[in-house]
Amino acid sequence: MSGGKYAVTQGNWGNVMRIRCAPTLTVAAVVAGVIAMTPQVARAEAIAPCLNYEVRTEWGRLTIDTRPDGTDRIGVISIGLFLDNLAHVPGIYTWQAYVNGHLVKRGADTKDDNFHTAIRHSLYENGRTTINYSVGDIFDIAIAHPVDGGRIAYVTPENECLVASH
């Protein structure tokens, strides 16, 4: 299971916010001195691959796509957030990318157009290679974008997908 489901709550100004919740366990049975633990919430739905993956909302859409980079079949995960209300597009987008529930990259980017970014499969920095994800990993991204002085806040819906190659 990745970093858990998302709880939806109302902010003090009435905007919807998403909060990452860690999975918890409950005691299911005690049999012959063995404590059996089961997840509180079981995942019933299949996770879609990150190949032209799209989540539509009432205010726009989020796209996630694993793309080749040279000979690397999963070289880049491309992310785009497209708001329908173009007047709300400019501004700062704060984001965190997760692989298997672990933070791999974050940022706060000011954009004049819709939000877009990419996460590279591997990075070579300071004489060291870092692998950010592999085929079969669960990827998701959380993006927040306040507008109108913070009275309105756009946040990404749940968007877990499996890293896959083309």
N, C-alpha and C. Protein backbone atom coordinates (compact mmCIF):
# COMPACT_ATOMS: atom_id res chain seq x y z
N MET A 1 0.84 -1.17 0.00
CA MET A 1 0.00 0.00 0.00
C MET A 1 0.89 1.23 0.00
N SER A 2 0.50 2.25 -0.67
CA SER A 2 1.32 3.47 -0.72
C SER A 2 1.11 4.27 0.54
N GLY A 3 1.29 5.58 0.47
CA GLY A 3 1.22 6.45 1.61
C GLY A 3 -0.15 6.61 2.21
N GLY A 4 -1.14 5.86 1.77
CA GLY A 4 -2.45 5.91 2.38
C GLY A 4 -3.46 6.64 1.53
N LYS A 5 -4.71 6.55 1.96
CA LYS A 5 -5.80 7.24 1.29
C LYS A 5 -5.78 8.70 1.68
N TYR A 6 -6.65 9.47 1.06
CA TYR A 6 -6.74 10.88 1.37
C TYR A 6 -8.07 11.16 2.02
N ALA A 7 -8.05 11.88 3.12
CA ALA A 7 -9.27 12.32 3.76
C ALA A 7 -9.60 13.70 3.22
N VAL A 8 -10.87 13.97 3.01
CA VAL A 8 -11.28 15.28 2.52
C VAL A 8 -11.95 16.01 3.66
N THR A 9 -11.48 17.21 3.94
CA THR A 9 -12.06 18.01 5.00
C THR A 9 -12.34 19.41 4.47
N GLN A 10 -13.15 20.15 5.18
CA GLN A 10 -13.44 21.52 4.81
C GLN A 10 -12.48 22.45 5.56
N GLY A 11 -11.86 23.37 4.82
CA GLY A 11 -11.01 24.38 5.44
C GLY A 11 -11.88 25.42 6.12
N ASN A 12 -11.30 26.29 6.91
CA ASN A 12 -12.08 27.28 7.63
C ASN A 12 -12.73 28.31 6.69
N TRP A 13 -12.31 28.37 5.43
CA TRP A 13 -12.92 29.27 4.46
C TRP A 13 -13.82 28.52 3.50
N GLY A 14 -14.04 27.21 3.75
CA GLY A 14 -14.96 26.44 2.95
C GLY A 14 -14.35 25.75 1.76
N ASN A 15 -13.06 25.83 1.55
CA ASN A 15 -12.42 25.16 0.43
C ASN A 15 -12.07 23.73 0.80
N VAL A 16 -12.08 22.86 -0.18
CA VAL A 16 -11.76 21.47 0.07
C VAL A 16 -10.25 21.29 0.09
N MET A 17 -9.73 20.58 1.08
CA MET A 17 -8.31 20.29 1.17
C MET A 17 -8.14 18.78 1.27
N ARG A 18 -7.00 18.26 0.82
CA ARG A 18 -6.71 16.84 0.89
C ARG A 18 -5.61 16.64 1.92
N ILE A 19 -5.79 15.67 2.78
CA ILE A 19 -4.81 15.39 3.83
C ILE A 19 -4.36 13.95 3.68
N ARG A 20 -3.05 13.72 3.64
CA ARG A 20 -2.51 12.36 3.53
C ARG A 20 -2.67 11.66 4.87
N CYS A 21 -3.27 10.47 4.84
CA CYS A 21 -3.48 9.70 6.05
C CYS A 21 -2.68 8.41 5.97
N ALA A 22 -1.93 8.10 6.98
CA ALA A 22 -1.15 6.87 7.01
C ALA A 22 -2.08 5.70 7.27
N PRO A 23 -1.82 4.54 6.63
CA PRO A 23 -2.66 3.37 6.91
C PRO A 23 -2.48 2.94 8.36
N THR A 24 -3.55 2.48 8.96
CA THR A 24 -3.48 2.01 10.34
C THR A 24 -3.95 0.56 10.40
N LEU A 25 -3.59 -0.13 11.46
CA LEU A 25 -3.97 -1.52 11.63
C LEU A 25 -4.85 -1.67 12.85
N THR A 26 -5.75 -2.66 12.81
CA THR A 26 -6.59 -2.97 13.96
C THR A 26 -6.44 -4.44 14.28
N VAL A 27 -6.66 -4.79 15.54
CA VAL A 27 -6.58 -6.19 15.94
C VAL A 27 -7.82 -6.90 15.40
N ALA A 28 -7.62 -7.95 14.61
CA ALA A 28 -8.73 -8.68 14.00
C ALA A 28 -9.09 -9.91 14.82
N ALA A 29 -8.12 -10.62 15.31
CA ALA A 29 -8.41 -11.85 16.05
C ALA A 29 -7.20 -12.25 16.86
N VAL A 30 -7.45 -12.98 17.93
CA VAL A 30 -6.37 -13.56 18.71
C VAL A 30 -6.59 -15.07 18.67
N VAL A 31 -5.69 -15.78 17.99
CA VAL A 31 -5.85 -17.22 17.81
C VAL A 31 -4.57 -17.89 18.28
N ALA A 32 -4.68 -18.80 19.27
CA ALA A 32 -3.54 -19.57 19.79
C ALA A 32 -2.38 -18.66 20.16
N GLY A 33 -2.69 -17.52 20.77
CA GLY A 33 -1.64 -16.62 21.23
C GLY A 33 -1.03 -15.76 20.13
N VAL A 34 -1.52 -15.85 18.89
CA VAL A 34 -1.00 -15.04 17.78
C VAL A 34 -1.97 -13.91 17.51
N ILE A 35 -1.46 -12.70 17.46
CA ILE A 35 -2.30 -11.55 17.17
C ILE A 35 -2.31 -11.36 15.66
N ALA A 36 -3.49 -11.42 15.06
CA ALA A 36 -3.63 -11.21 13.62
C ALA A 36 -3.99 -9.75 13.38
N MET A 37 -3.28 -9.13 12.48
CA MET A 37 -3.54 -7.73 12.15
C MET A 37 -4.05 -7.64 10.73
N THR A 38 -5.05 -6.80 10.50
CA THR A 38 -5.57 -6.58 9.15
C THR A 38 -5.63 -5.09 8.88
N PRO A 39 -5.47 -4.70 7.62
CA PRO A 39 -5.58 -3.28 7.32
C PRO A 39 -6.98 -2.78 7.61
N GLN A 40 -7.09 -1.57 8.11
CA GLN A 40 -8.38 -0.97 8.42
C GLN A 40 -9.17 -0.73 7.14
N VAL A 41 -8.50 -0.35 6.07
CA VAL A 41 -9.14 -0.09 4.79
C VAL A 41 -8.42 -0.93 3.74
N ALA A 42 -9.13 -1.82 3.10
CA ALA A 42 -8.51 -2.65 2.07
C ALA A 42 -8.67 -1.98 0.71
N ARG A 43 -7.66 -2.10 -0.14
CA ARG A 43 -7.72 -1.53 -1.48
C ARG A 43 -8.45 -2.51 -2.38
N ALA A 44 -9.59 -2.11 -2.93
CA ALA A 44 -10.39 -2.98 -3.77
C ALA A 44 -10.14 -2.70 -5.25
N GLU A 45 -9.84 -1.47 -5.58
CA GLU A 45 -9.70 -1.10 -6.99
C GLU A 45 -8.27 -1.33 -7.49
N ALA A 46 -8.17 -1.62 -8.79
CA ALA A 46 -6.85 -1.79 -9.41
C ALA A 46 -6.24 -0.41 -9.64
N ILE A 47 -4.93 -0.35 -9.65
CA ILE A 47 -4.24 0.91 -9.88
C ILE A 47 -3.87 0.99 -11.36
N ALA A 48 -4.28 2.05 -12.02
CA ALA A 48 -4.02 2.24 -13.45
C ALA A 48 -2.54 2.53 -13.70
N PRO A 49 -2.04 2.18 -14.88
CA PRO A 49 -0.65 2.53 -15.20
C PRO A 49 -0.51 4.03 -15.47
N CYS A 50 0.68 4.56 -15.26
CA CYS A 50 0.97 5.98 -15.49
C CYS A 50 1.26 6.21 -16.98
N LEU A 51 0.44 5.69 -17.85
CA LEU A 51 0.59 5.87 -19.30
C LEU A 51 -0.61 6.67 -19.79
N ASN A 52 -0.39 7.93 -20.11
CA ASN A 52 -1.48 8.83 -20.48
C ASN A 52 -2.59 8.80 -19.42
N TYR A 53 -2.19 8.70 -18.16
CA TYR A 53 -3.13 8.65 -17.03
C TYR A 53 -3.73 10.04 -16.83
N GLU A 54 -5.04 10.08 -16.63
CA GLU A 54 -5.71 11.37 -16.47
C GLU A 54 -6.79 11.25 -15.41
N VAL A 55 -6.86 12.28 -14.56
CA VAL A 55 -7.92 12.39 -13.57
C VAL A 55 -8.66 13.69 -13.86
N ARG A 56 -9.94 13.58 -14.14
CA ARG A 56 -10.77 14.77 -14.42
C ARG A 56 -11.51 15.17 -13.15
N THR A 57 -11.66 16.49 -12.98
CA THR A 57 -12.40 17.03 -11.84
C THR A 57 -13.41 18.03 -12.37
N GLU A 58 -14.19 18.62 -11.48
CA GLU A 58 -15.14 19.65 -11.89
C GLU A 58 -14.43 20.94 -12.29
N TRP A 59 -13.13 21.08 -11.95
CA TRP A 59 -12.41 22.32 -12.24
C TRP A 59 -11.27 22.16 -13.24
N GLY A 60 -11.05 20.93 -13.73
CA GLY A 60 -9.96 20.74 -14.68
C GLY A 60 -9.50 19.30 -14.72
N ARG A 61 -8.20 19.10 -15.01
CA ARG A 61 -7.68 17.74 -15.08
C ARG A 61 -6.21 17.69 -14.70
N LEU A 62 -5.80 16.51 -14.27
CA LEU A 62 -4.41 16.21 -13.93
C LEU A 62 -3.97 15.10 -14.87
N THR A 63 -2.78 15.25 -15.47
CA THR A 63 -2.26 14.20 -16.34
C THR A 63 -0.90 13.74 -15.81
N ILE A 64 -0.66 12.43 -15.92
CA ILE A 64 0.62 11.83 -15.52
C ILE A 64 0.99 10.83 -16.61
N ASP A 65 2.22 10.91 -17.10
CA ASP A 65 2.63 10.01 -18.17
C ASP A 65 4.09 9.63 -18.01
N THR A 66 4.36 8.32 -18.02
CA THR A 66 5.74 7.84 -18.04
C THR A 66 6.20 7.90 -19.49
N ARG A 67 7.34 8.55 -19.73
CA ARG A 67 7.84 8.72 -21.09
C ARG A 67 9.29 8.23 -21.20
N PRO A 68 9.63 7.66 -22.36
CA PRO A 68 11.02 7.25 -22.57
C PRO A 68 11.95 8.46 -22.65
N ASP A 69 13.20 8.24 -22.29
CA ASP A 69 14.24 9.26 -22.44
C ASP A 69 15.47 8.54 -22.99
N GLY A 70 15.68 8.66 -24.29
CA GLY A 70 16.75 7.91 -24.93
C GLY A 70 16.43 6.43 -24.88
N THR A 71 17.35 5.63 -24.34
CA THR A 71 17.12 4.19 -24.22
C THR A 71 16.40 3.81 -22.93
N ASP A 72 16.21 4.75 -22.03
CA ASP A 72 15.52 4.50 -20.77
C ASP A 72 14.01 4.54 -21.02
N ARG A 73 13.33 3.39 -20.94
CA ARG A 73 11.90 3.28 -21.25
C ARG A 73 11.01 4.00 -20.24
N ILE A 74 11.53 4.31 -19.04
CA ILE A 74 10.76 5.03 -18.02
C ILE A 74 11.53 6.28 -17.58
N GLY A 75 12.19 6.92 -18.52
CA GLY A 75 13.11 8.01 -18.22
C GLY A 75 12.54 9.21 -17.52
N VAL A 76 11.26 9.54 -17.78
CA VAL A 76 10.67 10.75 -17.23
C VAL A 76 9.20 10.50 -16.91
N ILE A 77 8.76 10.96 -15.75
CA ILE A 77 7.33 11.03 -15.46
C ILE A 77 6.94 12.48 -15.66
N SER A 78 6.06 12.71 -16.61
CA SER A 78 5.59 14.05 -16.95
C SER A 78 4.27 14.31 -16.24
N ILE A 79 4.13 15.48 -15.61
CA ILE A 79 2.94 15.84 -14.85
C ILE A 79 2.40 17.17 -15.36
N GLY A 80 1.09 17.26 -15.54
CA GLY A 80 0.45 18.51 -15.93
C GLY A 80 -0.84 18.70 -15.17
N LEU A 81 -1.09 19.92 -14.72
CA LEU A 81 -2.34 20.28 -14.04
C LEU A 81 -2.98 21.38 -14.87
N PHE A 82 -4.17 21.13 -15.39
CA PHE A 82 -4.83 22.06 -16.30
C PHE A 82 -6.14 22.55 -15.69
N LEU A 83 -6.19 23.83 -15.33
CA LEU A 83 -7.39 24.42 -14.75
C LEU A 83 -8.29 24.94 -15.85
N ASP A 84 -9.60 24.71 -15.72
CA ASP A 84 -10.55 25.20 -16.72
C ASP A 84 -10.69 26.72 -16.67
N ASN A 85 -10.65 27.30 -15.47
CA ASN A 85 -10.78 28.75 -15.32
C ASN A 85 -9.40 29.37 -15.56
N LEU A 86 -9.15 29.85 -16.77
CA LEU A 86 -7.83 30.37 -17.13
C LEU A 86 -7.42 31.59 -16.30
N ALA A 87 -8.38 32.32 -15.74
CA ALA A 87 -8.06 33.46 -14.88
C ALA A 87 -7.38 32.99 -13.59
N HIS A 88 -7.58 31.72 -13.21
CA HIS A 88 -6.99 31.17 -11.98
C HIS A 88 -5.67 30.46 -12.22
N VAL A 89 -5.22 30.38 -13.46
CA VAL A 89 -4.00 29.62 -13.79
C VAL A 89 -2.72 30.25 -13.24
N PRO A 90 -2.47 31.54 -13.44
CA PRO A 90 -1.17 32.08 -12.97
C PRO A 90 -1.04 32.03 -11.45
N GLY A 91 0.19 31.86 -11.00
CA GLY A 91 0.45 31.89 -9.56
C GLY A 91 1.39 30.79 -9.14
N ILE A 92 1.44 30.58 -7.83
CA ILE A 92 2.37 29.60 -7.28
C ILE A 92 1.67 28.25 -7.09
N TYR A 93 2.39 27.19 -7.44
CA TYR A 93 1.94 25.82 -7.29
C TYR A 93 2.94 25.12 -6.36
N THR A 94 2.46 24.66 -5.23
CA THR A 94 3.30 23.93 -4.28
C THR A 94 3.00 22.45 -4.48
N TRP A 95 4.05 21.64 -4.61
CA TRP A 95 3.81 20.23 -4.94
C TRP A 95 4.80 19.30 -4.27
N GLN A 96 4.36 18.04 -4.11
CA GLN A 96 5.17 16.97 -3.55
C GLN A 96 4.88 15.72 -4.37
N ALA A 97 5.94 15.06 -4.87
CA ALA A 97 5.80 13.81 -5.62
C ALA A 97 6.20 12.64 -4.72
N TYR A 98 5.40 11.58 -4.73
CA TYR A 98 5.62 10.42 -3.89
C TYR A 98 5.77 9.16 -4.73
N VAL A 99 6.67 8.29 -4.32
CA VAL A 99 6.81 6.96 -4.91
C VAL A 99 6.69 5.97 -3.77
N ASN A 100 5.72 5.07 -3.89
CA ASN A 100 5.44 4.09 -2.83
C ASN A 100 5.25 4.76 -1.47
N GLY A 101 4.63 5.93 -1.48
CA GLY A 101 4.34 6.65 -0.24
C GLY A 101 5.48 7.47 0.32
N HIS A 102 6.64 7.46 -0.34
CA HIS A 102 7.81 8.20 0.13
C HIS A 102 8.05 9.42 -0.75
N LEU A 103 8.28 10.55 -0.12
CA LEU A 103 8.55 11.79 -0.85
C LEU A 103 9.84 11.66 -1.65
N VAL A 104 9.76 11.93 -2.98
CA VAL A 104 10.96 11.89 -3.81
C VAL A 104 11.36 13.27 -4.32
N LYS A 105 10.40 14.17 -4.42
CA LYS A 105 10.73 15.52 -4.89
C LYS A 105 9.59 16.45 -4.52
N ARG A 106 9.95 17.70 -4.29
CA ARG A 106 8.93 18.72 -4.01
C ARG A 106 9.38 20.05 -4.58
N GLY A 107 8.44 20.96 -4.70
CA GLY A 107 8.78 22.26 -5.23
C GLY A 107 7.67 23.26 -5.00
N ALA A 108 7.98 24.49 -5.28
CA ALA A 108 7.02 25.59 -5.25
C ALA A 108 7.36 26.44 -6.46
N ASP A 109 6.57 26.30 -7.51
CA ASP A 109 6.87 26.93 -8.79
C ASP A 109 5.83 27.98 -9.14
N THR A 110 6.30 29.14 -9.58
CA THR A 110 5.42 30.18 -10.08
C THR A 110 5.26 29.97 -11.57
N LYS A 111 4.00 29.92 -12.04
CA LYS A 111 3.71 29.65 -13.44
C LYS A 111 2.79 30.73 -14.00
N ASP A 112 3.05 31.10 -15.27
CA ASP A 112 2.14 31.99 -15.99
C ASP A 112 1.09 31.19 -16.75
N ASP A 113 1.43 29.94 -17.05
CA ASP A 113 0.48 29.05 -17.72
C ASP A 113 0.18 27.89 -16.77
N ASN A 114 -0.49 26.86 -17.26
CA ASN A 114 -0.83 25.73 -16.39
C ASN A 114 0.43 25.06 -15.85
N PHE A 115 0.27 24.39 -14.71
CA PHE A 115 1.40 23.74 -14.05
C PHE A 115 1.86 22.51 -14.83
N HIS A 116 3.16 22.38 -14.96
CA HIS A 116 3.77 21.21 -15.58
C HIS A 116 5.16 21.02 -14.98
N THR A 117 5.54 19.77 -14.79
CA THR A 117 6.87 19.45 -14.30
C THR A 117 7.18 18.01 -14.70
N ALA A 118 8.39 17.58 -14.41
CA ALA A 118 8.80 16.22 -14.74
C ALA A 118 9.71 15.69 -13.64
N ILE A 119 9.60 14.40 -13.40
CA ILE A 119 10.45 13.71 -12.43
C ILE A 119 11.29 12.72 -13.23
N ARG A 120 12.60 12.81 -13.11
CA ARG A 120 13.50 11.90 -13.86
C ARG A 120 13.67 10.59 -13.12
N HIS A 121 13.77 9.52 -13.90
CA HIS A 121 13.97 8.18 -13.38
C HIS A 121 15.26 8.13 -12.55
N SER A 122 16.34 8.65 -13.11
CA SER A 122 17.59 8.66 -12.36
C SER A 122 18.26 10.02 -12.50
N LEU A 123 18.95 10.39 -11.46
CA LEU A 123 19.69 11.65 -11.44
C LEU A 123 21.13 11.37 -11.04
N TYR A 124 22.05 12.05 -11.69
CA TYR A 124 23.46 11.93 -11.33
C TYR A 124 23.90 13.29 -10.79
N GLU A 125 24.18 13.33 -9.50
CA GLU A 125 24.60 14.57 -8.84
C GLU A 125 25.71 14.26 -7.84
N ASN A 126 26.72 15.11 -7.82
CA ASN A 126 27.81 14.99 -6.86
C ASN A 126 28.44 13.59 -6.85
N GLY A 127 28.62 13.01 -8.04
CA GLY A 127 29.25 11.71 -8.14
C GLY A 127 28.39 10.54 -7.71
N ARG A 128 27.09 10.76 -7.57
CA ARG A 128 26.19 9.72 -7.07
C ARG A 128 24.93 9.65 -7.94
N THR A 129 24.48 8.45 -8.26
CA THR A 129 23.24 8.26 -9.02
C THR A 129 22.11 7.92 -8.07
N THR A 130 21.00 8.62 -8.20
CA THR A 130 19.80 8.37 -7.41
C THR A 130 18.72 7.84 -8.34
N ILE A 131 18.13 6.72 -8.01
CA ILE A 131 17.01 6.16 -8.76
C ILE A 131 15.73 6.59 -8.04
N ASN A 132 14.87 7.33 -8.74
CA ASN A 132 13.65 7.85 -8.13
C ASN A 132 12.48 6.87 -8.15
N TYR A 133 12.42 6.00 -9.16
CA TYR A 133 11.31 5.06 -9.28
C TYR A 133 11.70 3.93 -10.21
N SER A 134 10.92 2.85 -10.17
CA SER A 134 11.13 1.69 -11.03
C SER A 134 9.78 1.23 -11.56
N VAL A 135 9.79 0.39 -12.57
CA VAL A 135 8.55 -0.18 -13.10
C VAL A 135 7.82 -0.90 -11.97
N GLY A 136 6.52 -0.65 -11.86
CA GLY A 136 5.70 -1.27 -10.82
C GLY A 136 5.55 -0.46 -9.55
N ASP A 137 6.36 0.62 -9.41
CA ASP A 137 6.20 1.49 -8.24
C ASP A 137 4.90 2.28 -8.36
N ILE A 138 4.37 2.69 -7.22
CA ILE A 138 3.16 3.51 -7.19
C ILE A 138 3.57 4.98 -7.08
N PHE A 139 3.14 5.77 -8.04
CA PHE A 139 3.46 7.19 -8.09
C PHE A 139 2.20 8.00 -7.81
N ASP A 140 2.33 9.07 -7.05
CA ASP A 140 1.25 10.05 -6.94
C ASP A 140 1.83 11.41 -6.61
N ILE A 141 1.05 12.43 -6.88
CA ILE A 141 1.52 13.80 -6.68
C ILE A 141 0.44 14.61 -6.00
N ALA A 142 0.85 15.46 -5.08
CA ALA A 142 -0.06 16.39 -4.40
C ALA A 142 0.33 17.80 -4.82
N ILE A 143 -0.63 18.53 -5.38
CA ILE A 143 -0.38 19.90 -5.84
C ILE A 143 -1.43 20.80 -5.21
N ALA A 144 -0.99 21.94 -4.67
CA ALA A 144 -1.90 22.94 -4.13
C ALA A 144 -1.64 24.26 -4.85
N HIS A 145 -2.73 24.97 -5.18
CA HIS A 145 -2.62 26.23 -5.91
C HIS A 145 -3.68 27.20 -5.39
N PRO A 146 -3.28 28.14 -4.50
CA PRO A 146 -4.25 29.13 -3.99
C PRO A 146 -4.43 30.28 -4.98
N VAL A 147 -5.64 30.78 -5.09
CA VAL A 147 -5.93 31.95 -5.92
C VAL A 147 -6.88 32.87 -5.17
N ASP A 148 -7.06 34.06 -5.71
CA ASP A 148 -7.96 35.04 -5.13
C ASP A 148 -7.62 35.32 -3.66
N GLY A 149 -6.33 35.57 -3.43
CA GLY A 149 -5.86 35.88 -2.07
C GLY A 149 -6.00 34.71 -1.11
N GLY A 150 -6.06 33.49 -1.64
CA GLY A 150 -6.18 32.31 -0.79
C GLY A 150 -7.61 31.91 -0.50
N ARG A 151 -8.59 32.68 -1.01
CA ARG A 151 -10.00 32.31 -0.78
C ARG A 151 -10.38 31.03 -1.51
N ILE A 152 -9.70 30.76 -2.61
CA ILE A 152 -9.94 29.54 -3.39
C ILE A 152 -8.63 28.77 -3.44
N ALA A 153 -8.70 27.46 -3.24
CA ALA A 153 -7.50 26.63 -3.31
C ALA A 153 -7.79 25.40 -4.15
N TYR A 154 -7.00 25.22 -5.20
CA TYR A 154 -7.10 24.01 -6.01
C TYR A 154 -6.13 22.98 -5.43
N VAL A 155 -6.59 21.75 -5.28
CA VAL A 155 -5.73 20.66 -4.82
C VAL A 155 -6.01 19.45 -5.71
N THR A 156 -4.99 18.63 -5.92
CA THR A 156 -5.15 17.47 -6.78
C THR A 156 -6.02 16.41 -6.10
N PRO A 157 -6.82 15.72 -6.90
CA PRO A 157 -7.57 14.59 -6.36
C PRO A 157 -6.64 13.40 -6.19
N GLU A 158 -7.13 12.33 -5.60
CA GLU A 158 -6.33 11.11 -5.48
C GLU A 158 -5.91 10.67 -6.87
N ASN A 159 -4.63 10.32 -7.04
CA ASN A 159 -4.13 10.08 -8.39
C ASN A 159 -3.05 9.02 -8.47
N GLU A 160 -3.13 7.98 -7.68
CA GLU A 160 -2.10 6.95 -7.71
C GLU A 160 -2.12 6.20 -9.03
N CYS A 161 -0.92 5.97 -9.59
CA CYS A 161 -0.80 5.16 -10.80
C CYS A 161 0.51 4.37 -10.73
N LEU A 162 0.57 3.29 -11.50
CA LEU A 162 1.74 2.41 -11.51
C LEU A 162 2.73 2.85 -12.59
N VAL A 163 3.99 2.98 -12.22
CA VAL A 163 5.01 3.31 -13.19
C VAL A 163 5.09 2.15 -14.19
N ALA A 164 4.97 2.47 -15.48
CA ALA A 164 4.99 1.47 -16.55
C ALA A 164 5.78 2.01 -17.73
N SER A 165 6.29 1.11 -18.54
CA SER A 165 7.04 1.56 -19.73
C SER A 165 6.18 1.45 -20.96
N HIS A 166 6.48 2.29 -21.95
CA HIS A 166 5.75 2.26 -23.23
C HIS A 166 6.21 1.11 -24.05
